[in-house]
PDB file of N, CA and C in Angstrom:
ATOM      1  N   MET A   1       0.826  -1.185   0.000  1.00  0.00           N
ATOM      2  CA  MET A   1       0.000   0.000   0.000  1.00  0.00           C
ATOM      3  C   MET A   1       0.867   1.243   0.000  1.00  0.00           C
ATOM      4  N   VAL A   2       0.273   2.279  -0.448  1.00  0.00           N
ATOM      5  CA  VAL A   2       0.957   3.553  -0.542  1.00  0.00           C
ATOM      6  C   VAL A   2       0.739   4.335   0.753  1.00  0.00           C
ATOM      7  N   GLU A   3       1.799   4.962   1.221  1.00  0.00           N
ATOM      8  CA  GLU A   3       1.695   5.768   2.433  1.00  0.00           C
ATOM      9  C   GLU A   3       1.116   7.138   2.079  1.00  0.00           C
ATOM     10  N   ILE A   4       0.151   7.601   2.824  1.00  0.00           N
ATOM     11  CA  ILE A   4      -0.468   8.896   2.590  1.00  0.00           C
ATOM     12  C   ILE A   4       0.439   9.958   3.199  1.00  0.00           C
ATOM     13  N   VAL A   5       0.708  11.001   2.408  1.00  0.00           N
ATOM     14  CA  VAL A   5       1.626  12.049   2.837  1.00  0.00           C
ATOM     15  C   VAL A   5       0.878  13.375   2.865  1.00  0.00           C
ATOM     16  N   ASN A   6       0.983  14.059   3.979  1.00  0.00           N
ATOM     17  CA  ASN A   6       0.429  15.396   4.106  1.00  0.00           C
ATOM     18  C   ASN A   6       1.448  16.353   3.485  1.00  0.00           C
ATOM     19  N   LEU A   7       1.068  17.009   2.385  1.00  0.00           N
ATOM     20  CA  LEU A   7       2.018  17.843   1.645  1.00  0.00           C
ATOM     21  C   LEU A   7       2.498  19.041   2.454  1.00  0.00           C
ATOM     22  N   THR A   8       1.629  19.618   3.233  1.00  0.00           N
ATOM     23  CA  THR A   8       2.037  20.754   4.059  1.00  0.00           C
ATOM     24  C   THR A   8       3.107  20.324   5.055  1.00  0.00           C
ATOM     25  N   ARG A   9       2.888  19.203   5.700  1.00  0.00           N
ATOM     26  CA  ARG A   9       3.863  18.705   6.670  1.00  0.00           C
ATOM     27  C   ARG A   9       5.169  18.335   5.969  1.00  0.00           C
ATOM     28  N   ALA A  10       5.072  17.746   4.784  1.00  0.00           N
ATOM     29  CA  ALA A  10       6.275  17.369   4.040  1.00  0.00           C
ATOM     30  C   ALA A  10       7.084  18.610   3.670  1.00  0.00           C
ATOM     31  N   ARG A  11       6.417  19.683   3.254  1.00  0.00           N
ATOM     32  CA  ARG A  11       7.124  20.928   2.908  1.00  0.00           C
ATOM     33  C   ARG A  11       7.803  21.522   4.137  1.00  0.00           C
ATOM     34  N   LYS A  12       7.083  21.522   5.246  1.00  0.00           N
ATOM     35  CA  LYS A  12       7.660  22.075   6.473  1.00  0.00           C
ATOM     36  C   LYS A  12       8.849  21.243   6.946  1.00  0.00           C
ATOM     37  N   ASP A  13       8.736  19.939   6.850  1.00  0.00           N
ATOM     38  CA  ASP A  13       9.849  19.071   7.240  1.00  0.00           C
ATOM     39  C   ASP A  13      11.071  19.319   6.359  1.00  0.00           C
ATOM     40  N   ARG A  14      10.851  19.453   5.061  1.00  0.00           N
ATOM     41  CA  ARG A  14      11.958  19.717   4.147  1.00  0.00           C
ATOM     42  C   ARG A  14      12.599  21.063   4.463  1.00  0.00           C
ATOM     43  N   ALA A  15      11.770  22.082   4.737  1.00  0.00           N
ATOM     44  CA  ALA A  15      12.303  23.405   5.076  1.00  0.00           C
ATOM     45  C   ALA A  15      13.127  23.341   6.356  1.00  0.00           C
ATOM     46  N   ARG A  16      12.647  22.578   7.350  1.00  0.00           N
ATOM     47  CA  ARG A  16      13.405  22.434   8.599  1.00  0.00           C
ATOM     48  C   ARG A  16      14.747  21.759   8.357  1.00  0.00           C
ATOM     49  N   ARG A  17      14.755  20.718   7.536  1.00  0.00           N
ATOM     50  CA  ARG A  17      16.018  20.022   7.240  1.00  0.00           C
ATOM     51  C   ARG A  17      16.995  20.962   6.537  1.00  0.00           C
ATOM     52  N   GLU A  18      16.501  21.740   5.564  1.00  0.00           N
ATOM     53  CA  GLU A  18      17.374  22.665   4.839  1.00  0.00           C
ATOM     54  C   GLU A  18      17.908  23.748   5.768  1.00  0.00           C
ATOM     55  N   LYS A  19      17.040  24.267   6.642  1.00  0.00           N
ATOM     56  CA  LYS A  19      17.469  25.306   7.574  1.00  0.00           C
ATOM     57  C   LYS A  19      18.500  24.754   8.554  1.00  0.00           C
ATOM     58  N   SER A  20      18.276  23.535   9.012  1.00  0.00           N
ATOM     59  CA  SER A  20      19.210  22.896   9.928  1.00  0.00           C
ATOM     60  C   SER A  20      20.573  22.671   9.264  1.00  0.00           C
ATOM     61  N   GLN A  21      20.547  22.255   8.010  1.00  0.00           N
ATOM     62  CA  GLN A  21      21.796  22.029   7.292  1.00  0.00           C
ATOM     63  C   GLN A  21      22.537  23.347   7.075  1.00  0.00           C
ATOM     64  N   ALA A  22      21.807  24.399   6.734  1.00  0.00           N
ATOM     65  CA  ALA A  22      22.440  25.713   6.543  1.00  0.00           C
ATOM     66  C   ALA A  22      23.043  26.204   7.858  1.00  0.00           C
ATOM     67  N   ALA A  23      22.349  25.979   8.959  1.00  0.00           N
ATOM     68  CA  ALA A  23      22.867  26.386  10.266  1.00  0.00           C
ATOM     69  C   ALA A  23      24.147  25.627  10.601  1.00  0.00           C
ATOM     70  N   ALA A  24      24.173  24.344  10.286  1.00  0.00           N
ATOM     71  CA  ALA A  24      25.373  23.543  10.547  1.00  0.00           C
ATOM     72  C   ALA A  24      26.550  24.050   9.717  1.00  0.00           C
ATOM     73  N   GLU A  25      26.301  24.393   8.461  1.00  0.00           N
ATOM     74  CA  GLU A  25      27.363  24.928   7.607  1.00  0.00           C
ATOM     75  C   GLU A  25      27.864  26.267   8.144  1.00  0.00           C
ATOM     76  N   ASN A  26      26.951  27.109   8.609  1.00  0.00           N
ATOM     77  CA  ASN A  26      27.351  28.406   9.160  1.00  0.00           C
ATOM     78  C   ASN A  26      28.142  28.246  10.452  1.00  0.00           C
ATOM     79  N   ARG A  27      27.790  27.260  11.264  1.00  0.00           N
ATOM     80  CA  ARG A  27      28.567  27.027  12.492  1.00  0.00           C
ATOM     81  C   ARG A  27      29.994  26.650  12.157  1.00  0.00           C
ATOM     82  N   VAL A  28      30.162  25.851  11.116  1.00  0.00           N
ATOM     83  CA  VAL A  28      31.508  25.450  10.711  1.00  0.00           C
ATOM     84  C   VAL A  28      32.258  26.648  10.146  1.00  0.00           C
ATOM     85  N   ARG A  29      31.578  27.438   9.322  1.00  0.00           N
ATOM     86  CA  ARG A  29      32.239  28.535   8.640  1.00  0.00           C
ATOM     87  C   ARG A  29      32.521  29.716   9.560  1.00  0.00           C
ATOM     88  N   PHE A  30      31.564  30.090  10.397  1.00  0.00           N
ATOM     89  CA  PHE A  30      31.693  31.311  11.184  1.00  0.00           C
ATOM     90  C   PHE A  30      31.868  31.078  12.671  1.00  0.00           C
ATOM     91  N   GLY A  31      31.661  29.876  13.130  1.00  0.00           N
ATOM     92  CA  GLY A  31      31.667  29.619  14.567  1.00  0.00           C
ATOM     93  C   GLY A  31      33.057  29.634  15.159  1.00  0.00           C
ATOM     94  N   ARG A  32      33.294  30.587  16.025  1.00  0.00           N
ATOM     95  CA  ARG A  32      34.540  30.634  16.767  1.00  0.00           C
ATOM     96  C   ARG A  32      34.201  30.952  18.211  1.00  0.00           C
ATOM     97  N   THR A  33      35.003  30.460  19.103  1.00  0.00           N
ATOM     98  CA  THR A  33      34.743  30.710  20.513  1.00  0.00           C
ATOM     99  C   THR A  33      35.157  32.135  20.865  1.00  0.00           C
ATOM    100  N   LYS A  34      34.682  32.581  22.006  1.00  0.00           N
ATOM    101  CA  LYS A  34      35.016  33.923  22.471  1.00  0.00           C
ATOM    102  C   LYS A  34      36.521  34.057  22.682  1.00  0.00           C
ATOM    103  N   ALA A  35      37.143  33.002  23.167  1.00  0.00           N
ATOM    104  CA  ALA A  35      38.589  33.020  23.404  1.00  0.00           C
ATOM    105  C   ALA A  35      39.352  33.149  22.084  1.00  0.00           C
ATOM    106  N   GLU A  36      38.901  32.460  21.045  1.00  0.00           N
ATOM    107  CA  GLU A  36      39.559  32.564  19.739  1.00  0.00           C
ATOM    108  C   GLU A  36      39.440  33.976  19.177  1.00  0.00           C
ATOM    109  N   LYS A  37      38.266  34.574  19.323  1.00  0.00           N
ATOM    110  CA  LYS A  37      38.074  35.954  18.842  1.00  0.00           C
ATOM    111  C   LYS A  37      38.971  36.919  19.607  1.00  0.00           C
ATOM    112  N   ALA A  38      39.059  36.751  20.923  1.00  0.00           N
ATOM    113  CA  ALA A  38      39.901  37.622  21.748  1.00  0.00           C
ATOM    114  C   ALA A  38      41.366  37.462  21.380  1.00  0.00           C
ATOM    115  N   ARG A  39      41.795  36.210  21.160  1.00  0.00           N
ATOM    116  CA  ARG A  39      43.182  35.963  20.778  1.00  0.00           C
ATOM    117  C   ARG A  39      43.511  36.646  19.453  1.00  0.00           C
ATOM    118  N   ASP A  40      42.629  36.526  18.470  1.00  0.00           N
ATOM    119  CA  ASP A  40      42.857  37.162  17.177  1.00  0.00           C
ATOM    120  C   ASP A  40      42.883  38.680  17.299  1.00  0.00           C
ATOM    121  N   ARG A  41      41.986  39.217  18.130  1.00  0.00           N
ATOM    122  CA  ARG A  41      41.946  40.667  18.331  1.00  0.00           C
ATOM    123  C   ARG A  41      43.241  41.148  18.985  1.00  0.00           C
ATOM    124  N   ASP A  42      43.734  40.399  19.988  1.00  0.00           N
ATOM    125  CA  ASP A  42      44.978  40.771  20.661  1.00  0.00           C
ATOM    126  C   ASP A  42      46.179  40.658  19.718  1.00  0.00           C
ATOM    127  N   ASP A  43      46.202  39.624  18.901  1.00  0.00           N
ATOM    128  CA  ASP A  43      47.286  39.466  17.926  1.00  0.00           C
ATOM    129  C   ASP A  43      47.308  40.627  16.942  1.00  0.00           C
ATOM    130  N   ALA A  44      46.138  41.039  16.471  1.00  0.00           N
ATOM    131  CA  ALA A  44      46.057  42.155  15.524  1.00  0.00           C
ATOM    132  C   ALA A  44      46.544  43.445  16.187  1.00  0.00           C
ATOM    133  N   ARG A  45      46.167  43.649  17.448  1.00  0.00           N
ATOM    134  CA  ARG A  45      46.601  44.849  18.163  1.00  0.00           C
ATOM    135  C   ARG A  45      48.118  44.849  18.333  1.00  0.00           C
ATOM    136  N   ARG A  46      48.687  43.689  18.692  1.00  0.00           N
ATOM    137  CA  ARG A  46      50.145  43.608  18.850  1.00  0.00           C
ATOM    138  C   ARG A  46      50.873  43.867  17.535  1.00  0.00           C
ATOM    139  N   ARG A  47      50.347  43.310  16.440  1.00  0.00           N
ATOM    140  CA  ARG A  47      50.983  43.538  15.137  1.00  0.00           C
ATOM    141  C   ARG A  47      50.938  45.019  14.756  1.00  0.00           C
ATOM    142  N   LYS A  48      49.799  45.663  15.025  1.00  0.00           N
ATOM    143  CA  LYS A  48      49.674  47.083  14.690  1.00  0.00           C
ATOM    144  C   LYS A  48      50.616  47.925  15.531  1.00  0.00           C
ATOM    145  N   GLU A  49      50.714  47.619  16.824  1.00  0.00           N
ATOM    146  CA  GLU A  49      51.624  48.370  17.694  1.00  0.00           C
ATOM    147  C   GLU A  49      53.072  48.166  17.277  1.00  0.00           C
ATOM    148  N   ALA A  50      53.430  46.946  16.902  1.00  0.00           N
ATOM    149  CA  ALA A  50      54.801  46.673  16.472  1.00  0.00           C
ATOM    150  C   ALA A  50      55.112  47.420  15.177  1.00  0.00           C
ATOM    151  N   GLN A  51      54.138  47.490  14.299  1.00  0.00           N
ATOM    152  CA  GLN A  51      54.342  48.193  13.025  1.00  0.00           C
ATOM    153  C   GLN A  51      54.520  49.690  13.259  1.00  0.00           C
ATOM    154  N   THR A  52      53.685  50.278  14.120  1.00  0.00           N
ATOM    155  CA  THR A  52      53.806  51.713  14.373  1.00  0.00           C
ATOM    156  C   THR A  52      55.091  52.025  15.131  1.00  0.00           C
ATOM    157  N   ALA A  53      55.575  51.101  15.958  1.00  0.00           N
ATOM    158  CA  ALA A  53      56.820  51.328  16.694  1.00  0.00           C
ATOM    159  C   ALA A  53      58.016  51.339  15.744  1.00  0.00           C
ATOM    160  N   ARG A  54      57.947  50.590  14.655  1.00  0.00           N
ATOM    161  CA  ARG A  54      59.060  50.536  13.698  1.00  0.00           C
ATOM    162  C   ARG A  54      58.949  51.594  12.602  1.00  0.00           C
ATOM    163  N   ARG A  55      57.894  52.378  12.635  1.00  0.00           N
ATOM    164  CA  ARG A  55      57.678  53.382  11.584  1.00  0.00           C
ATOM    165  C   ARG A  55      58.752  54.460  11.667  1.00  0.00           C
ATOM    166  N   LEU A  56      59.268  54.849  10.527  1.00  0.00           N
ATOM    167  CA  LEU A  56      60.257  55.898  10.472  1.00  0.00           C
ATOM    168  C   LEU A  56      59.574  57.252  10.468  1.00  0.00           C
ATOM    169  N   ASP A  57      60.176  58.212  11.133  1.00  0.00           N
ATOM    170  CA  ASP A  57      59.622  59.557  11.164  1.00  0.00           C
ATOM    171  C   ASP A  57      59.953  60.225   9.841  1.00  0.00           C
ATOM    172  N   ASP A  58      58.975  60.908   9.257  1.00  0.00           N
ATOM    173  CA  ASP A  58      59.194  61.513   7.940  1.00  0.00           C
ATOM    174  C   ASP A  58      59.787  62.918   8.030  1.00  0.00           C
ATOM    175  N   GLY A  59      60.081  63.393   9.224  1.00  0.00           N
ATOM    176  CA  GLY A  59      60.732  64.686   9.384  1.00  0.00           C
ATOM    177  C   GLY A  59      59.765  65.833   9.579  1.00  0.00           C
ATOM    178  N   GLU A  60      58.515  65.694   9.194  1.00  0.00           N
ATOM    179  CA  GLU A  60      57.537  66.746   9.371  1.00  0.00           C
ATOM    180  C   GLU A  60      56.910  66.611  10.748  1.00  0.00           C
ATOM    181  N   THR A  61      56.642  67.748  11.373  1.00  0.00           N
ATOM    182  CA  THR A  61      56.032  67.704  12.695  1.00  0.00           C
ATOM    183  C   THR A  61      54.527  67.519  12.548  1.00  0.00           C
ATOM    184  N   GLY A  62      53.966  66.771  13.448  1.00  0.00           N
ATOM    185  CA  GLY A  62      52.528  66.571  13.449  1.00  0.00           C
ATOM    186  C   GLY A  62      52.037  65.514  12.480  1.00  0.00           C
ATOM    187  N   LYS A  63      52.917  64.963  11.705  1.00  0.00           N
ATOM    188  CA  LYS A  63      52.503  63.942  10.740  1.00  0.00           C
ATOM    189  C   LYS A  63      53.348  62.701  10.978  1.00  0.00           C
ATOM    190  N   THR A  64      52.681  61.574  11.124  1.00  0.00           N
ATOM    191  CA  THR A  64      53.434  60.337  11.342  1.00  0.00           C
ATOM    192  C   THR A  64      53.161  59.349  10.269  1.00  0.00           C
TER     193      THR A  64
END
């Protein structure tokens, strides 16, 4: 025998599966812990400070 399928429920189930799969992909792509974000932010700050510390003065006052 053929199983009777409620089309509305089938559409909603498919939409839920697609949304769940998209969420899983986004977690992989964008998901980082707070500690990882802080570490990256601190690394960027250190690199910027090191770069500005090594900058040569161009001889003009008020301009760096």
